[in-house]
Each structure stands twice: as structure tokens, then as C-alpha cells.
C-alpha atoms as a PDB file:
ATOM      1  CA  MET A   1      -1.571 -36.746   8.813  1.00  0.00           C
ATOM      2  CA  SER A   2      -0.438 -37.598  12.251  1.00  0.00           C
ATOM      3  CA  GLY A   3       1.229 -36.233  14.962  1.00  0.00           C
ATOM      4  CA  LEU A   4      -0.082 -32.996  15.415  1.00  0.00           C
ATOM      5  CA  PRO A   5       0.209 -31.028  18.516  1.00  0.00           C
ATOM      6  CA  ASP A   6      -2.881 -29.643  20.657  1.00  0.00           C
ATOM      7  CA  ALA A   7      -2.369 -25.884  19.227  1.00  0.00           C
ATOM      8  CA  LEU A   8      -1.371 -24.986  15.598  1.00  0.00           C
ATOM      9  CA  ALA A   9      -0.780 -21.796  14.018  1.00  0.00           C
ATOM     10  CA  VAL A  10      -2.530 -21.896  10.602  1.00  0.00           C
ATOM     11  CA  VAL A  11      -0.455 -19.255   8.202  1.00  0.00           C
ATOM     12  CA  VAL A  12      -1.329 -18.580   4.459  1.00  0.00           C
ATOM     13  CA  VAL A  13       1.888 -17.644   1.989  1.00  0.00           C
ATOM     14  CA  ARG A  14       2.213 -15.919  -0.935  1.00  0.00           C
ATOM     15  CA  ASP A  15       5.153 -15.315  -2.506  1.00  0.00           C
ATOM     16  CA  GLY A  16       6.997 -17.513  -0.446  1.00  0.00           C
ATOM     17  CA  SER A  17       6.700 -15.343   2.551  1.00  0.00           C
ATOM     18  CA  PRO A  18       4.328 -15.209   5.507  1.00  0.00           C
ATOM     19  CA  PRO A  19       2.548 -12.295   6.299  1.00  0.00           C
ATOM     20  CA  ALA A  20       2.714  -9.743   9.339  1.00  0.00           C
ATOM     21  CA  GLY A  21       1.741 -11.470  12.738  1.00  0.00           C
ATOM     22  CA  ALA A  22       2.605 -15.144  11.139  1.00  0.00           C
ATOM     23  CA  ASP A  23       5.761 -15.236  13.395  1.00  0.00           C
ATOM     24  CA  GLU A  24       3.168 -14.350  16.494  1.00  0.00           C
ATOM     25  CA  ALA A  25       1.082 -16.325  15.867  1.00  0.00           C
ATOM     26  CA  THR A  26       3.218 -19.215  15.912  1.00  0.00           C
ATOM     27  CA  ALA A  27       5.026 -18.118  19.054  1.00  0.00           C
ATOM     28  CA  GLU A  28       1.445 -18.109  20.496  1.00  0.00           C
ATOM     29  CA  THR A  29       0.973 -21.953  19.402  1.00  0.00           C
ATOM     30  CA  ASP A  30       5.042 -23.117  20.987  1.00  0.00           C
ATOM     31  CA  GLY A  31       6.663 -22.727  17.943  1.00  0.00           C
ATOM     32  CA  ALA A  32       4.023 -25.252  15.883  1.00  0.00           C
ATOM     33  CA  VAL A  33       2.803 -24.061  12.568  1.00  0.00           C
ATOM     34  CA  LEU A  34       1.391 -25.095   9.129  1.00  0.00           C
ATOM     35  CA  LEU A  35       2.139 -23.143   6.514  1.00  0.00           C
ATOM     36  CA  VAL A  36       0.133 -23.389   3.356  1.00  0.00           C
ATOM     37  CA  GLY A  37       0.446 -21.518   0.068  1.00  0.00           C
ATOM     38  CA  PRO A  38       0.999 -22.669  -3.648  1.00  0.00           C
ATOM     39  CA  GLY A  39       4.743 -23.714  -4.684  1.00  0.00           C
ATOM     40  CA  LEU A  40       5.664 -24.708  -1.063  1.00  0.00           C
ATOM     41  CA  ARG A  41       7.559 -27.411  -1.775  1.00  0.00           C
ATOM     42  CA  GLY A  42      11.360 -28.663  -1.652  1.00  0.00           C
ATOM     43  CA  PRO A  43      13.496 -25.605  -0.806  1.00  0.00           C
ATOM     44  CA  ALA A  44      10.662 -22.678  -0.989  1.00  0.00           C
ATOM     45  CA  ALA A  45       8.924 -24.291   1.500  1.00  0.00           C
ATOM     46  CA  THR A  46      12.421 -24.587   3.693  1.00  0.00           C
ATOM     47  CA  GLN A  47      12.699 -20.862   3.016  1.00  0.00           C
ATOM     48  CA  ALA A  48       9.149 -19.743   3.874  1.00  0.00           C
ATOM     49  CA  ALA A  49       9.694 -21.996   7.682  1.00  0.00           C
ATOM     50  CA  ARG A  50      12.928 -20.146   7.997  1.00  0.00           C
ATOM     51  CA  ALA A  51      11.171 -16.699   7.800  1.00  0.00           C
ATOM     52  CA  LEU A  52       9.337 -17.332  10.786  1.00  0.00           C
ATOM     53  CA  THR A  53      12.161 -17.284  13.788  1.00  0.00           C
ATOM     54  CA  SER A  54       9.917 -18.605  16.350  1.00  0.00           C
ATOM     55  CA  ALA A  55       9.140 -21.950  14.519  1.00  0.00           C
ATOM     56  CA  ARG A  56       9.970 -25.354  15.770  1.00  0.00           C
ATOM     57  CA  HIS A  57       7.765 -27.508  13.895  1.00  0.00           C
ATOM     58  CA  VAL A  58       6.940 -26.963  10.225  1.00  0.00           C
ATOM     59  CA  TRP A  59       4.607 -28.813   8.418  1.00  0.00           C
ATOM     60  CA  THR A  60       3.953 -26.852   4.991  1.00  0.00           C
ATOM     61  CA  ALA A  61       1.607 -27.586   2.279  1.00  0.00           C
ATOM     62  CA  ASP A  62       1.087 -26.438  -1.754  1.00  0.00           C
ATOM     63  CA  CYS A  63      -1.975 -25.394  -1.801  1.00  0.00           C
ATOM     64  CA  GLY A  64      -4.423 -22.803  -3.698  1.00  0.00           C
ATOM     65  CA  THR A  65      -5.155 -20.351  -1.170  1.00  0.00           C
ATOM     66  CA  GLU A  66      -9.013 -19.766  -2.474  1.00  0.00           C
ATOM     67  CA  PRO A  67     -10.516 -19.780   1.127  1.00  0.00           C
ATOM     68  CA  GLY A  68     -13.574 -21.920   0.686  1.00  0.00           C
ATOM     69  CA  ALA A  69     -11.738 -24.899  -1.072  1.00  0.00           C
ATOM     70  CA  LEU A  70      -8.983 -24.173   1.460  1.00  0.00           C
ATOM     71  CA  ALA A  71     -11.241 -24.594   4.116  1.00  0.00           C
ATOM     72  CA  ALA A  72     -12.554 -27.709   3.328  1.00  0.00           C
ATOM     73  CA  THR A  73      -9.177 -28.972   2.343  1.00  0.00           C
ATOM     74  CA  LEU A  74      -7.523 -28.260   5.609  1.00  0.00           C
ATOM     75  CA  ALA A  75     -10.558 -29.284   8.076  1.00  0.00           C
ATOM     76  CA  PRO A  76     -10.263 -32.985   7.924  1.00  0.00           C
ATOM     77  CA  LEU A  77      -6.309 -32.786   8.416  1.00  0.00           C
ATOM     78  CA  LEU A  78      -6.959 -29.896  11.384  1.00  0.00           C
ATOM     79  CA  LYS A  79      -9.797 -31.950  13.385  1.00  0.00           C
ATOM     80  CA  PRO A  80      -7.646 -33.760  15.791  1.00  0.00           C
ATOM     81  CA  VAL A  81      -6.069 -30.086  16.581  1.00  0.00           C
ATOM     82  CA  ARG A  82      -7.991 -28.362  19.851  1.00  0.00           C
ATOM     83  CA  THR A  83      -6.734 -25.213  18.988  1.00  0.00           C
ATOM     84  CA  LEU A  84      -6.377 -23.416  15.605  1.00  0.00           C
ATOM     85  CA  VAL A  85      -4.665 -19.648  15.357  1.00  0.00           C
ATOM     86  CA  LEU A  86      -4.436 -17.625  12.403  1.00  0.00           C
ATOM     87  CA  PRO A  87      -2.490 -14.351  11.967  1.00  0.00           C
ATOM     88  CA  ALA A  88      -5.026 -11.425  11.203  1.00  0.00           C
ATOM     89  CA  SER A  89      -3.579 -10.916   7.991  1.00  0.00           C
ATOM     90  CA  PRO A  90      -6.010 -11.021   4.681  1.00  0.00           C
ATOM     91  CA  ASP A  91      -5.628 -14.615   3.957  1.00  0.00           C
ATOM     92  CA  GLY A  92      -6.219 -15.273   8.048  1.00  0.00           C
ATOM     93  CA  ARG A  93      -9.298 -12.958   8.230  1.00  0.00           C
ATOM     94  CA  ASP A  94     -10.557 -14.931   4.819  1.00  0.00           C
ATOM     95  CA  LEU A  95      -9.890 -18.135   6.188  1.00  0.00           C
ATOM     96  CA  ALA A  96     -10.388 -18.445   9.869  1.00  0.00           C
ATOM     97  CA  PRO A  97     -14.653 -18.048   9.220  1.00  0.00           C
ATOM     98  CA  ARG A  98     -14.682 -20.770   6.544  1.00  0.00           C
ATOM     99  CA  LEU A  99     -12.300 -23.050   8.772  1.00  0.00           C
ATOM    100  CA  ALA A 100     -14.261 -22.693  11.512  1.00  0.00           C
ATOM    101  CA  ALA A 101     -17.366 -23.536  10.045  1.00  0.00           C
ATOM    102  CA  ALA A 102     -16.337 -26.684   7.888  1.00  0.00           C
ATOM    103  CA  LEU A 103     -14.686 -27.725  11.930  1.00  0.00           C
ATOM    104  CA  GLY A 104     -17.887 -27.173  13.379  1.00  0.00           C
ATOM    105  CA  ARG A 105     -16.372 -24.768  16.084  1.00  0.00           C
ATOM    106  CA  PRO A 106     -16.273 -21.522  17.722  1.00  0.00           C
ATOM    107  CA  LEU A 107     -13.721 -18.573  16.448  1.00  0.00           C
ATOM    108  CA  LEU A 108     -12.471 -15.846  18.630  1.00  0.00           C
ATOM    109  CA  ALA A 109     -11.730 -12.973  16.288  1.00  0.00           C
ATOM    110  CA  GLY A 110      -9.128 -10.067  17.133  1.00  0.00           C
ATOM    111  CA  ALA A 111      -7.662 -11.911  20.204  1.00  0.00           C
ATOM    112  CA  VAL A 112      -4.518 -10.647  22.097  1.00  0.00           C
ATOM    113  CA  GLU A 113      -3.206 -13.604  23.549  1.00  0.00           C
ATOM    114  CA  VAL A 114      -4.368 -16.850  22.872  1.00  0.00           C
ATOM    115  CA  LEU A 115      -5.419 -18.859  26.487  1.00  0.00           C
ATOM    116  CA  PRO A 116      -5.776 -22.650  26.752  1.00  0.00           C
ATOM    117  CA  HIS A 117      -9.319 -22.336  27.285  1.00  0.00           C
ATOM    118  CA  GLY A 118     -10.014 -19.549  25.112  1.00  0.00           C
ATOM    119  CA  ALA A 119      -8.532 -15.610  24.158  1.00  0.00           C
ATOM    120  CA  ASP A 120      -8.378 -12.374  25.693  1.00  0.00           C
ATOM    121  CA  VAL A 121     -10.011 -10.262  22.536  1.00  0.00           C
ATOM    122  CA  LEU A 122     -10.741  -6.548  21.946  1.00  0.00           C
ATOM    123  CA  ARG A 123     -13.895  -5.383  21.468  1.00  0.00           C
ATOM    124  CA  TRP A 124     -15.962  -2.015  21.701  1.00  0.00           C
ATOM    125  CA  GLY A 125     -13.369  -0.546  19.087  1.00  0.00           C
ATOM    126  CA  GLY A 126     -10.425  -1.636  21.293  1.00  0.00           C
ATOM    127  CA  THR A 127     -11.829   0.285  24.513  1.00  0.00           C
ATOM    128  CA  ALA A 128     -12.423  -3.118  26.233  1.00  0.00           C
ATOM    129  CA  LEU A 129     -10.218  -6.278  27.043  1.00  0.00           C
ATOM    130  CA  VAL A 130     -12.718  -9.118  27.328  1.00  0.00           C
ATOM    131  CA  GLU A 131     -11.328 -12.547  28.199  1.00  0.00           C
ATOM    132  CA  LEU A 132     -13.729 -15.112  26.072  1.00  0.00           C
ATOM    133  CA  THR A 133     -13.973 -18.781  27.410  1.00  0.00           C
ATOM    134  CA  VAL A 134     -14.928 -21.977  25.479  1.00  0.00           C
ATOM    135  CA  ASP A 135     -15.756 -25.750  25.679  1.00  0.00           C
ATOM    136  CA  GLY A 136     -13.578 -27.373  23.598  1.00  0.00           C
ATOM    137  CA  PRO A 137     -11.898 -27.270  20.362  1.00  0.00           C
ATOM    138  CA  PHE A 138     -12.045 -23.876  18.725  1.00  0.00           C
ATOM    139  CA  LEU A 139     -10.308 -21.565  16.117  1.00  0.00           C
ATOM    140  CA  ALA A 140      -8.933 -17.331  17.044  1.00  0.00           C
ATOM    141  CA  THR A 141      -7.110 -14.814  15.247  1.00  0.00           C
ATOM    142  CA  LEU A 142      -4.066 -13.077  16.596  1.00  0.00           C
ATOM    143  CA  GLU A 143      -3.789  -9.039  16.148  1.00  0.00           C
ATOM    144  CA  PRO A 144       0.110  -8.137  14.416  1.00  0.00           C
ATOM    145  CA  GLY A 145       2.109  -6.263  17.174  1.00  0.00           C
ATOM    146  CA  VAL A 146       0.647  -7.625  20.630  1.00  0.00           C
ATOM    147  CA  ARG A 147       3.511  -9.767  22.146  1.00  0.00           C
ATOM    148  CA  GLY A 148       6.641 -10.281  21.177  1.00  0.00           C
ATOM    149  CA  VAL A 149       8.259 -13.065  19.530  1.00  0.00           C
ATOM    150  CA  GLU A 150      11.466 -15.121  21.173  1.00  0.00           C
ATOM    151  CA  PRO A 151      13.882 -17.158  18.487  1.00  0.00           C
ATOM    152  CA  ALA A 152      13.515 -21.115  18.852  1.00  0.00           C
ATOM    153  CA  PRO A 153      16.726 -22.236  20.190  1.00  0.00           C
ATOM    154  CA  ASP A 154      17.221 -24.624  16.972  1.00  0.00           C
ATOM    155  CA  PRO A 155      16.428 -24.862  13.395  1.00  0.00           C
ATOM    156  CA  ALA A 156      12.533 -25.670  13.164  1.00  0.00           C
ATOM    157  CA  VAL A 157      11.511 -29.615  11.954  1.00  0.00           C
ATOM    158  CA  VAL A 158      10.014 -29.148   8.211  1.00  0.00           C
ATOM    159  CA  THR A 159       7.242 -31.635   7.219  1.00  0.00           C
ATOM    160  CA  GLU A 160       5.838 -31.760   3.687  1.00  0.00           C
ATOM    161  CA  ILE A 161       2.782 -33.058   3.542  1.00  0.00           C
ATOM    162  CA  ALA A 162       0.075 -33.451   0.993  1.00  0.00           C
ATOM    163  CA  PRO A 163      -3.326 -32.876   1.840  1.00  0.00           C
ATOM    164  CA  THR A 164      -5.999 -33.479  -1.092  1.00  0.00           C
ATOM    165  CA  ALA A 165      -7.339 -31.147  -2.571  1.00  0.00           C
ATOM    166  CA  ALA A 166     -11.384 -30.575  -1.923  1.00  0.00           C
ATOM    167  CA  SER A 167     -13.549 -30.950  -4.760  1.00  0.00           C
ATOM    168  CA  GLY A 168     -16.942 -28.490  -5.938  1.00  0.00           C
ATOM    169  CA  VAL A 169     -16.276 -25.685  -3.605  1.00  0.00           C
ATOM    170  CA  HIS A 170     -16.916 -22.872  -5.386  1.00  0.00           C
ATOM    171  CA  GLY A 171     -15.784 -19.148  -3.833  1.00  0.00           C
ATOM    172  CA  ALA A 172     -14.813 -15.413  -4.035  1.00  0.00           C
ATOM    173  CA  ARG A 173     -11.557 -15.467  -5.984  1.00  0.00           C
ATOM    174  CA  THR A 174      -8.990 -13.334  -5.761  1.00  0.00           C
ATOM    175  CA  LEU A 175      -8.033 -11.132  -8.748  1.00  0.00           C
ATOM    176  CA  ALA A 176      -5.577  -9.318  -8.164  1.00  0.00           C
ATOM    177  CA  VAL A 177      -3.390  -7.837  -5.262  1.00  0.00           C
ATOM    178  CA  HIS A 178      -2.343  -3.986  -5.239  1.00  0.00           C
ATOM    179  CA  ASP A 179       0.563  -3.057  -3.463  1.00  0.00           C
ATOM    180  CA  VAL A 180       0.533   0.439  -1.621  1.00  0.00           C
ATOM    181  CA  SER A 181       1.349   3.093  -3.518  1.00  0.00           C
ATOM    182  CA  GLU A 182       1.295   6.289  -1.263  1.00  0.00           C
ATOM    183  CA  GLU A 183       4.066   8.016   0.228  1.00  0.00           C
ATOM    184  CA  GLY A 184       6.225   6.204   2.837  1.00  0.00           C
ATOM    185  CA  GLY A 185       5.890   2.419   1.930  1.00  0.00           C
ATOM    186  CA  GLY A 186       4.165  -0.289   3.839  1.00  0.00           C
ATOM    187  CA  LEU A 187       3.354  -0.448   7.365  1.00  0.00           C
ATOM    188  CA  ASP A 188       3.823  -4.285   7.764  1.00  0.00           C
ATOM    189  CA  GLY A 189       7.471  -4.893   9.377  1.00  0.00           C
ATOM    190  CA  ALA A 190       8.181  -0.862   9.638  1.00  0.00           C
ATOM    191  CA  ARG A 191      10.852  -0.397  11.883  1.00  0.00           C
ATOM    192  CA  ARG A 192      10.118   3.606  12.024  1.00  0.00           C
ATOM    193  CA  VAL A 193       6.279   4.893  11.680  1.00  0.00           C
ATOM    194  CA  LEU A 194       5.618   8.686  11.188  1.00  0.00           C
ATOM    195  CA  ALA A 195       1.957   8.924  12.392  1.00  0.00           C
ATOM    196  CA  ALA A 196      -0.618  11.866  11.665  1.00  0.00           C
ATOM    197  CA  GLY A 197      -3.792  12.428  13.551  1.00  0.00           C
ATOM    198  CA  GLY A 198      -6.906  15.096  13.929  1.00  0.00           C
ATOM    199  CA  GLY A 199      -4.011  17.317  15.002  1.00  0.00           C
ATOM    200  CA  VAL A 200      -2.384  18.132  12.504  1.00  0.00           C
ATOM    201  CA  GLY A 201      -4.731  19.966  11.295  1.00  0.00           C
ATOM    202  CA  SER A 202      -5.811  19.544   7.496  1.00  0.00           C
ATOM    203  CA  PRO A 203      -4.957  16.819   4.416  1.00  0.00           C
ATOM    204  CA  GLN A 204      -2.046  19.129   3.436  1.00  0.00           C
ATOM    205  CA  ALA A 205      -0.330  18.779   6.228  1.00  0.00           C
ATOM    206  CA  VAL A 206      -0.794  14.421   6.128  1.00  0.00           C
ATOM    207  CA  ALA A 207       0.520  14.884   2.453  1.00  0.00           C
ATOM    208  CA  LEU A 208       3.780  16.910   3.749  1.00  0.00           C
ATOM    209  CA  LEU A 209       4.315  14.201   6.752  1.00  0.00           C
ATOM    210  CA  GLY A 210       4.346  11.339   4.468  1.00  0.00           C
ATOM    211  CA  ARG A 211       7.194  13.204   2.300  1.00  0.00           C
ATOM    212  CA  VAL A 212       8.979  13.643   5.580  1.00  0.00           C
ATOM    213  CA  ALA A 213       8.328   9.914   6.173  1.00  0.00           C
ATOM    214  CA  THR A 214       9.807   8.614   3.100  1.00  0.00           C
ATOM    215  CA  ALA A 215      12.925  11.324   3.465  1.00  0.00           C
ATOM    216  CA  VAL A 216      13.695   9.313   6.941  1.00  0.00           C
ATOM    217  CA  GLY A 217      13.124   5.287   5.452  1.00  0.00           C
ATOM    218  CA  ALA A 218       9.516   5.463   7.789  1.00  0.00           C
ATOM    219  CA  ALA A 219       6.184   4.096   6.463  1.00  0.00           C
ATOM    220  CA  LEU A 220       3.333   6.430   7.378  1.00  0.00           C
ATOM    221  CA  GLY A 221      -0.203   5.944   9.251  1.00  0.00           C
ATOM    222  CA  GLY A 222      -2.433   7.464  10.834  1.00  0.00           C
ATOM    223  CA  THR A 223      -5.653   7.649  13.441  1.00  0.00           C
ATOM    224  CA  ARG A 224      -9.467   6.792  12.560  1.00  0.00           C
ATOM    225  CA  VAL A 225      -9.955  10.118  12.431  1.00  0.00           C
ATOM    226  CA  VAL A 226      -7.799  10.736   9.805  1.00  0.00           C
ATOM    227  CA  THR A 227      -9.195   8.107   7.604  1.00  0.00           C
ATOM    228  CA  ASP A 228     -12.504   8.828   8.577  1.00  0.00           C
ATOM    229  CA  ALA A 229     -12.201  12.310   7.212  1.00  0.00           C
ATOM    230  CA  GLY A 230     -10.511  11.046   3.987  1.00  0.00           C
ATOM    231  CA  TRP A 231      -6.848  12.313   4.467  1.00  0.00           C
ATOM    232  CA  LEU A 232      -4.915   9.089   4.562  1.00  0.00           C
ATOM    233  CA  ALA A 233      -6.492   5.942   2.636  1.00  0.00           C
ATOM    234  CA  TYR A 234      -8.184   3.621   5.163  1.00  0.00           C
ATOM    235  CA  ASP A 235      -5.028   0.697   4.494  1.00  0.00           C
ATOM    236  CA  ARG A 236      -2.872   2.813   6.567  1.00  0.00           C
ATOM    237  CA  GLN A 237      -4.799   3.392   9.576  1.00  0.00           C
ATOM    238  CA  ILE A 238      -3.531   1.808  12.963  1.00  0.00           C
ATOM    239  CA  GLY A 239      -5.665   0.017  15.407  1.00  0.00           C
ATOM    240  CA  THR A 240      -7.666  -2.408  16.356  1.00  0.00           C
ATOM    241  CA  THR A 241     -10.119  -1.014  13.550  1.00  0.00           C
ATOM    242  CA  GLY A 242      -7.123  -1.062  11.426  1.00  0.00           C
ATOM    243  CA  ILE A 243      -3.468  -2.386  11.163  1.00  0.00           C
ATOM    244  CA  GLY A 244      -1.449  -3.244  13.795  1.00  0.00           C
ATOM    245  CA  VAL A 245       2.116  -2.579  13.958  1.00  0.00           C
ATOM    246  CA  ASP A 246       5.280  -3.101  16.178  1.00  0.00           C
ATOM    247  CA  PRO A 247       8.100  -0.449  15.155  1.00  0.00           C
ATOM    248  CA  ASP A 248      10.844   0.411  16.762  1.00  0.00           C
ATOM    249  CA  LEU A 249      10.197   3.761  16.419  1.00  0.00           C
ATOM    250  CA  TYR A 250       6.917   5.603  16.488  1.00  0.00           C
ATOM    251  CA  VAL A 251       6.170   9.116  16.150  1.00  0.00           C
ATOM    252  CA  ALA A 252       3.408  10.951  16.953  1.00  0.00           C
ATOM    253  CA  PHE A 253       1.636  13.700  15.016  1.00  0.00           C
ATOM    254  CA  GLY A 254      -1.053  14.857  16.459  1.00  0.00           C
ATOM    255  CA  VAL A 255      -2.195  11.971  18.078  1.00  0.00           C
ATOM    256  CA  SER A 256      -4.505  11.834  21.147  1.00  0.00           C
ATOM    257  CA  GLY A 257      -4.167   8.021  21.964  1.00  0.00           C
ATOM    258  CA  ALA A 258      -7.347   6.607  22.100  1.00  0.00           C
ATOM    259  CA  PRO A 259      -7.319   3.287  23.117  1.00  0.00           C
ATOM    260  CA  HIS A 260      -8.992   1.458  19.681  1.00  0.00           C
ATOM    261  CA  HIS A 261      -5.318   3.061  17.927  1.00  0.00           C
ATOM    262  CA  THR A 262      -3.091   2.403  20.723  1.00  0.00           C
ATOM    263  CA  GLY A 263      -4.106  -1.046  20.640  1.00  0.00           C
ATOM    264  CA  GLY A 264      -2.364  -1.683  17.321  1.00  0.00           C
ATOM    265  CA  LEU A 265       0.642  -0.479  18.432  1.00  0.00           C
ATOM    266  CA  GLY A 266       2.631  -3.370  19.815  1.00  0.00           C
ATOM    267  CA  SER A 267       5.177  -2.386  21.909  1.00  0.00           C
ATOM    268  CA  PRO A 268       7.418   0.064  20.078  1.00  0.00           C
ATOM    269  CA  ARG A 269      10.860   0.740  21.360  1.00  0.00           C
ATOM    270  CA  ASP A 270      10.839   4.071  21.050  1.00  0.00           C
ATOM    271  CA  VAL A 271       7.521   6.645  21.060  1.00  0.00           C
ATOM    272  CA  VAL A 272       7.585  10.244  20.529  1.00  0.00           C
ATOM    273  CA  SER A 273       4.307  12.193  20.630  1.00  0.00           C
ATOM    274  CA  ILE A 274       3.841  15.695  19.744  1.00  0.00           C
ATOM    275  CA  ASN A 275       0.805  17.471  21.069  1.00  0.00           C
ATOM    276  CA  THR A 276      -0.182  20.471  22.326  1.00  0.00           C
ATOM    277  CA  ASP A 277      -2.375  18.631  25.083  1.00  0.00           C
ATOM    278  CA  PRO A 278       0.589  18.014  27.172  1.00  0.00           C
ATOM    279  CA  TYR A 279      -1.973  15.419  29.653  1.00  0.00           C
ATOM    280  CA  CYS A 280      -3.155  13.277  26.649  1.00  0.00           C
ATOM    281  CA  PRO A 281      -3.012   9.463  26.621  1.00  0.00           C
ATOM    282  CA  MET A 282      -0.505   9.318  23.854  1.00  0.00           C
ATOM    283  CA  THR A 283       2.242  12.015  25.527  1.00  0.00           C
ATOM    284  CA  ALA A 284       1.221   9.921  28.578  1.00  0.00           C
ATOM    285  CA  MET A 285       2.875   6.914  26.714  1.00  0.00           C
ATOM    286  CA  ALA A 286       5.791   8.650  25.139  1.00  0.00           C
ATOM    287  CA  ASP A 287       9.237   8.150  25.937  1.00  0.00           C
ATOM    288  CA  LEU A 288       9.660  11.641  24.913  1.00  0.00           C
ATOM    289  CA  GLY A 289       6.608  14.055  24.935  1.00  0.00           C
ATOM    290  CA  ILE A 290       6.367  17.689  22.472  1.00  0.00           C
ATOM    291  CA  VAL A 291       4.233  20.078  24.043  1.00  0.00           C
ATOM    292  CA  ALA A 292       3.961  21.771  20.369  1.00  0.00           C
ATOM    293  CA  ASP A 293       1.299  22.609  17.645  1.00  0.00           C
ATOM    294  CA  ALA A 294       1.993  19.360  15.422  1.00  0.00           C
ATOM    295  CA  ALA A 295       1.365  20.772  11.908  1.00  0.00           C
ATOM    296  CA  ALA A 296       3.993  23.798  13.029  1.00  0.00           C
ATOM    297  CA  VAL A 297       6.563  20.845  13.989  1.00  0.00           C
ATOM    298  CA  LEU A 298       5.688  19.327  10.791  1.00  0.00           C
ATOM    299  CA  VAL A 299       6.504  22.330   8.663  1.00  0.00           C
ATOM    300  CA  GLU A 300       9.608  23.201  10.567  1.00  0.00           C
ATOM    301  CA  LEU A 301      10.691  19.545  10.350  1.00  0.00           C
ATOM    302  CA  ALA A 302      10.314  18.905   6.787  1.00  0.00           C
ATOM    303  CA  ARG A 303      12.011  22.638   5.889  1.00  0.00           C
ATOM    304  CA  LYS A 304      14.999  21.217   8.029  1.00  0.00           C
ATOM    305  CA  LEU A 305      15.175  18.475   5.737  1.00  0.00           C
ATOM    306  CA  GLU A 306      15.586  19.772   2.525  1.00  0.00           C
ATOM    307  CA  THR A 307      17.675  22.260   3.755  1.00  0.00           C
ATOM    308  CA  GLU A 308      20.116  19.368   4.592  1.00  0.00           C
ATOM    309  CA  ASP A 309      19.395  17.897   1.287  1.00  0.00           C
ATOM    310  CA  ASP A 310      20.321  20.916  -0.304  1.00  0.00           C
END
């Protein structure tokens, strides 16, 4: 596989659709990306490539997604590439350490920006931004929602490749991928997000917020305080230790705005904070701050929506 650039994004594709963060990882490598996954050939490969607005040159490979075998298959092809960037999606986080081991190079996990000789990464629960530098080739996983994406000026050039599958490699297998079934729809790519913090006060309030989110076409998320309390599933946790989002509208109910939470917010166009503390970090960063009890506002909002439905 010749003609590869010095920096390349590597994205695992399932069901023909790149995961959240794939476009950002591609933008970080100036539009160069390798898409790998079953069935990525012909029209399916072209469709997956077109889903990445920042892509300039796309290589596609029809291959399996088992991370151990995939790393062994890709390592010989990617050895000439100095900088490899994977989105911090579930598949990206599975593949990255195995690919780094196969190539014998360091992995900089949790990057918010990839640099020519390293990356800026979040550490200590998102409270510290650390610049890591390396002498030589490296891999990085890029957190979703940490940067904007500029569309490429022209349609991407798509090149199909056929790597030789590695044999004799055994590892964990994905038995099933379950859709999120909770109220409010999925967080990946959500344009509206309603988030619950500890200030809502109870699991009943979180459940009510889920119903409100469904009614207004938003996704439901929460802080680590809420998920640790068992009020919300961990796959709804927003932040550097959870899921990264980048919505148009983010409404925070009782969220104080700790760095490990706001580090996963990306750059929302509009932020609304409902909190009794007018000086909390979330209210400070909000476009609209409402100084009030979040649980009480939520109850009134739900009542208002029910009245309008009637």
C-alpha cells in the first residue's frame, strides 16, 4: 500500500456508518483516512467515505472488526505512516492499543489535539491538560467533540485496498451490539442534549428529564455524580470519563460544571444552565443562566409540555 501520508486516521466502520468522532479524527490528519470494516467495497465504500465531510483521500478495506486480527492485518500496511489517529469510539479504543503493540510504538490515549510530535491529552479526570511529546512514530486516540470540522473543498478520492488477512490471531469477539434503550435517544451525534447533574436530587427527577428529552427530541445525558449514584446508566455519562458530545443545544439541569464533565462537551452553539448557584462553572459558561432549583423547573417544564399535548 504505497502513497500513504505521514498522518492517517484509522476508522472501524460498522453497518456502513463511521462512528462518532470519525470526522474529527479525519480532520486532524488533513483529510486522510483509512476506513476498515466488513463489506466496504464498491458503493458501500463510497457511501461510507461520503459520510466524512472532512475527507480528502479515503482508503477502504473490506475486513473483519476483531481488534487483534485487525491490528495484525493492518500493521504491515501502516508501518510507513508516522502518525496514526483513531477516534476514541468503542472500536477505536479496542483497536488502538493492539495496533500500537503490533507496530511497537507508543499510544497517546484521550487526546484533544494531535501535534506533529505528540498530543495534548486530558489527565487526572479531565482536570489537567498535558502535552506529551514523542521521538518517532506514534498512535493517538482523539476524543469526540473536541474540535470543529471544516468540509473538504472537493469530493474525496476513494481507493479500495485488499490487505492480506493475518492468520492464527485469536482474541475477544464481539457477540452483540445493543442499542441504547433508555429515554431520550442516543447521545452520539445528538443535536440537542438535556443533562442531569446531582442538583436534580433524585432518580425520579432523572427519569422525568428522560421523558422531557423524548418529548422535545433531545438526548438524555448526565454527569458522573448521577451515574455513580445509579440514577442513570454509565453509557449516558458525558465527560472525559464518559461520552463526548458536540450538540447545537445543551441544557444542564443541576450540573455544577466540573472539568471532567465540561471536557466532554465539545463546542455547543447554545448552553443553558439551571442551577441554584449563580457562580458555578456551568452557569459561568452558559449563554443563558437560570438561577433556580433544577428539579422544580423540570417539574414545571414537564407540566407545561403535558398541557400543550392536551
